Amino acid sequence: MSSFDVNAIEARDITDPKEGREFVKSFLNETTFYLATCGKDGQPANRPMSLITHFENKLVFATAKYKDVAHEISENPRISITAYIKSVAWVRLDAKATAIESEKLVQQFKDENPKHYEFYLSSNDEENAFYALEDAKFTMHIKGKAYSVALA
């Protein structure tokens, strides 16, 4: 279980990138977050996700290569993530998803969330796609006010 305390979220800008990445990872892993992409037909596509980590100073998420989301990202890597914790805060992250391959990253995903890994991803690691979030802009909204969170 997460040690993230949603009631301890401070209404402030987070300017330290390391603290920002840890905050975003903890916040998103506390919720079901929604990843939006754009389909080939120009139609937005949104789906729930629940697994994100940070690796080599970048936030990273994973999906199976056969899923629509992987195909949509290969066509247009711009993504948006939103998440909401009722009566606490909601967040928005806009970024470019860049494919990343690393055996160390695969193992990190498995170690951090083995049940999620088994449920959402293929048992054949070569069928999974991992994406680092580049040029990410993250905003946290608390009680009607927006706060920026540095990620890089």
Protein backbone atom coordinates (compact mmCIF):
# COMPACT_ATOMS: atom_id res chain seq x y z
CA MET A 1 0.00 0.00 0.00
CA SER A 2 1.12 3.54 -0.72
CA SER A 3 2.52 5.79 1.99
CA PHE A 4 1.08 8.80 0.15
CA ASP A 5 -1.23 10.81 2.40
CA VAL A 6 -3.78 12.63 0.24
CA ASN A 7 -4.84 14.74 3.21
CA ALA A 8 -1.30 16.09 3.57
CA ILE A 9 -1.16 17.62 0.09
CA GLU A 10 0.06 21.17 0.43
CA ALA A 11 -1.38 23.95 -1.70
CA ARG A 12 1.91 25.20 -3.13
CA ASP A 13 4.10 25.17 -6.20
CA ILE A 14 6.69 22.40 -6.20
CA THR A 15 9.90 23.73 -7.76
CA ASP A 16 12.30 20.84 -7.08
CA PRO A 17 12.06 18.37 -10.02
CA LYS A 18 12.93 15.30 -7.92
CA GLU A 19 10.23 16.20 -5.38
CA GLY A 20 7.84 16.95 -8.26
CA ARG A 21 8.39 13.56 -9.93
CA GLU A 22 7.91 11.72 -6.63
CA PHE A 23 4.74 13.71 -5.91
CA VAL A 24 3.28 13.01 -9.36
CA LYS A 25 4.14 9.30 -9.17
CA SER A 26 2.58 9.02 -5.70
CA PHE A 27 -0.52 11.02 -6.62
CA LEU A 28 -1.19 9.07 -9.83
CA ASN A 29 -0.56 5.70 -8.20
CA GLU A 30 -3.04 6.63 -5.46
CA THR A 31 -5.77 7.08 -8.07
CA THR A 32 -6.97 5.67 -11.30
CA PHE A 33 -5.70 8.22 -13.77
CA TYR A 34 -6.93 8.80 -17.29
CA LEU A 35 -4.60 8.86 -20.27
CA ALA A 36 -5.83 10.68 -23.37
CA THR A 37 -4.45 10.25 -26.86
CA CYS A 38 -5.70 11.13 -30.32
CA GLY A 39 -6.88 8.40 -32.67
CA LYS A 40 -6.04 8.20 -36.39
CA ASP A 41 -9.46 9.69 -37.15
CA GLY A 42 -8.71 12.72 -34.96
CA GLN A 43 -11.11 11.54 -32.26
CA PRO A 44 -9.77 11.88 -28.70
CA ALA A 45 -9.43 8.56 -26.88
CA ASN A 46 -9.33 8.31 -23.10
CA ARG A 47 -8.73 5.28 -20.91
CA PRO A 48 -8.10 4.52 -17.25
CA MET A 49 -4.59 3.58 -16.22
CA SER A 50 -3.09 2.81 -12.84
CA LEU A 51 0.63 2.27 -13.15
CA ILE A 52 3.36 4.91 -13.39
CA THR A 53 6.90 5.11 -12.05
CA HIS A 54 9.96 7.27 -12.41
CA PHE A 55 13.07 5.97 -14.07
CA GLU A 56 16.28 7.88 -14.85
CA ASN A 57 14.67 11.17 -13.79
CA LYS A 58 11.61 10.67 -15.99
CA LEU A 59 8.05 9.60 -15.32
CA VAL A 60 7.26 6.38 -17.19
CA PHE A 61 4.07 4.44 -17.89
CA ALA A 62 3.51 1.16 -19.68
CA THR A 63 0.96 -0.56 -21.86
CA ALA A 64 0.86 -3.59 -24.13
CA LYS A 65 2.05 -2.94 -27.70
CA TYR A 66 -1.09 -4.49 -29.21
CA LYS A 67 -3.43 -1.99 -27.51
CA ASP A 68 -4.88 1.00 -29.35
CA VAL A 69 -3.09 3.39 -27.00
CA ALA A 70 0.33 2.17 -28.20
CA HIS A 71 -0.69 2.60 -31.84
CA GLU A 72 -2.11 6.05 -31.18
CA ILE A 73 1.08 7.17 -29.42
CA SER A 74 3.19 5.95 -32.34
CA GLU A 75 1.08 8.17 -34.63
CA ASN A 76 0.94 11.18 -32.30
CA PRO A 77 3.06 11.11 -29.13
CA ARG A 78 1.27 14.05 -27.44
CA ILE A 79 -0.71 12.77 -24.45
CA SER A 80 -2.65 14.19 -21.54
CA ILE A 81 -3.24 12.64 -18.12
CA THR A 82 -5.86 13.68 -15.59
CA ALA A 83 -6.59 12.35 -12.13
CA TYR A 84 -8.90 13.35 -9.30
CA ILE A 85 -9.02 12.66 -5.59
CA LYS A 86 -12.48 13.67 -4.40
CA SER A 87 -12.55 16.74 -2.16
CA VAL A 88 -8.75 16.99 -2.24
CA ALA A 89 -7.27 17.85 -5.63
CA TRP A 90 -7.23 17.15 -9.33
CA VAL A 91 -4.22 17.17 -11.63
CA ARG A 92 -3.42 17.49 -15.30
CA LEU A 93 -0.23 16.45 -17.05
CA ASP A 94 0.49 17.21 -20.71
CA ALA A 95 3.56 15.62 -22.29
CA LYS A 96 5.18 13.87 -25.22
CA ALA A 97 5.36 10.09 -24.74
CA THR A 98 8.71 8.72 -25.93
CA ALA A 99 9.30 4.98 -26.20
CA ILE A 100 11.99 3.70 -23.85
CA GLU A 101 13.49 0.21 -23.65
CA SER A 102 15.38 -1.06 -20.64
CA GLU A 103 15.49 -4.43 -18.90
CA LYS A 104 16.14 -2.57 -15.65
CA LEU A 105 12.91 -0.58 -16.17
CA VAL A 106 10.89 -3.74 -16.86
CA GLN A 107 12.18 -5.26 -13.63
CA GLN A 108 11.43 -2.06 -11.72
CA PHE A 109 7.80 -2.13 -12.92
CA LYS A 110 7.49 -5.78 -11.90
CA ASP A 111 9.05 -5.20 -8.49
CA GLU A 112 7.01 -2.09 -7.63
CA ASN A 113 3.58 -3.41 -8.63
CA PRO A 114 3.63 -7.12 -9.47
CA LYS A 115 -0.17 -7.57 -9.45
CA HIS A 116 -0.77 -4.55 -11.66
CA TYR A 117 1.97 -5.71 -14.00
CA GLU A 118 0.37 -9.13 -14.36
CA PHE A 119 -3.12 -7.68 -14.85
CA TYR A 120 -2.43 -4.86 -17.32
CA LEU A 121 0.61 -6.00 -19.26
CA SER A 122 1.59 -9.00 -21.31
CA SER A 123 3.45 -11.86 -19.65
CA ASN A 124 5.80 -11.66 -22.64
CA ASP A 125 7.90 -8.58 -21.82
CA GLU A 126 8.68 -8.03 -25.52
CA GLU A 127 4.97 -7.30 -26.11
CA ASN A 128 4.98 -4.35 -23.68
CA ALA A 129 5.71 -0.72 -24.46
CA PHE A 130 7.19 1.74 -21.97
CA TYR A 131 6.93 5.48 -22.45
CA ALA A 132 8.89 8.28 -20.79
CA LEU A 133 7.05 11.57 -20.41
CA GLU A 134 9.10 14.31 -22.08
CA ASP A 135 8.46 18.06 -22.07
CA ALA A 136 5.90 17.42 -19.35
CA LYS A 137 3.82 20.19 -17.83
CA PHE A 138 2.04 19.23 -14.61
CA THR A 139 -0.56 21.34 -12.85
CA MET A 140 -2.27 20.57 -9.55
CA HIS A 141 -5.63 22.18 -8.72
CA ILE A 142 -6.67 22.63 -5.10
CA LYS A 143 -9.72 24.62 -4.03
CA GLY A 144 -9.96 26.45 -7.35
CA LYS A 145 -6.32 27.48 -7.57
CA ALA A 146 -3.66 26.02 -9.89
CA TYR A 147 -0.16 25.15 -8.70
CA SER A 148 2.75 24.18 -10.94
CA VAL A 149 4.91 21.14 -10.29
CA ALA A 150 8.41 20.97 -11.78
CA LEU A 151 9.36 17.65 -13.38
CA ALA A 152 12.67 18.46 -15.10
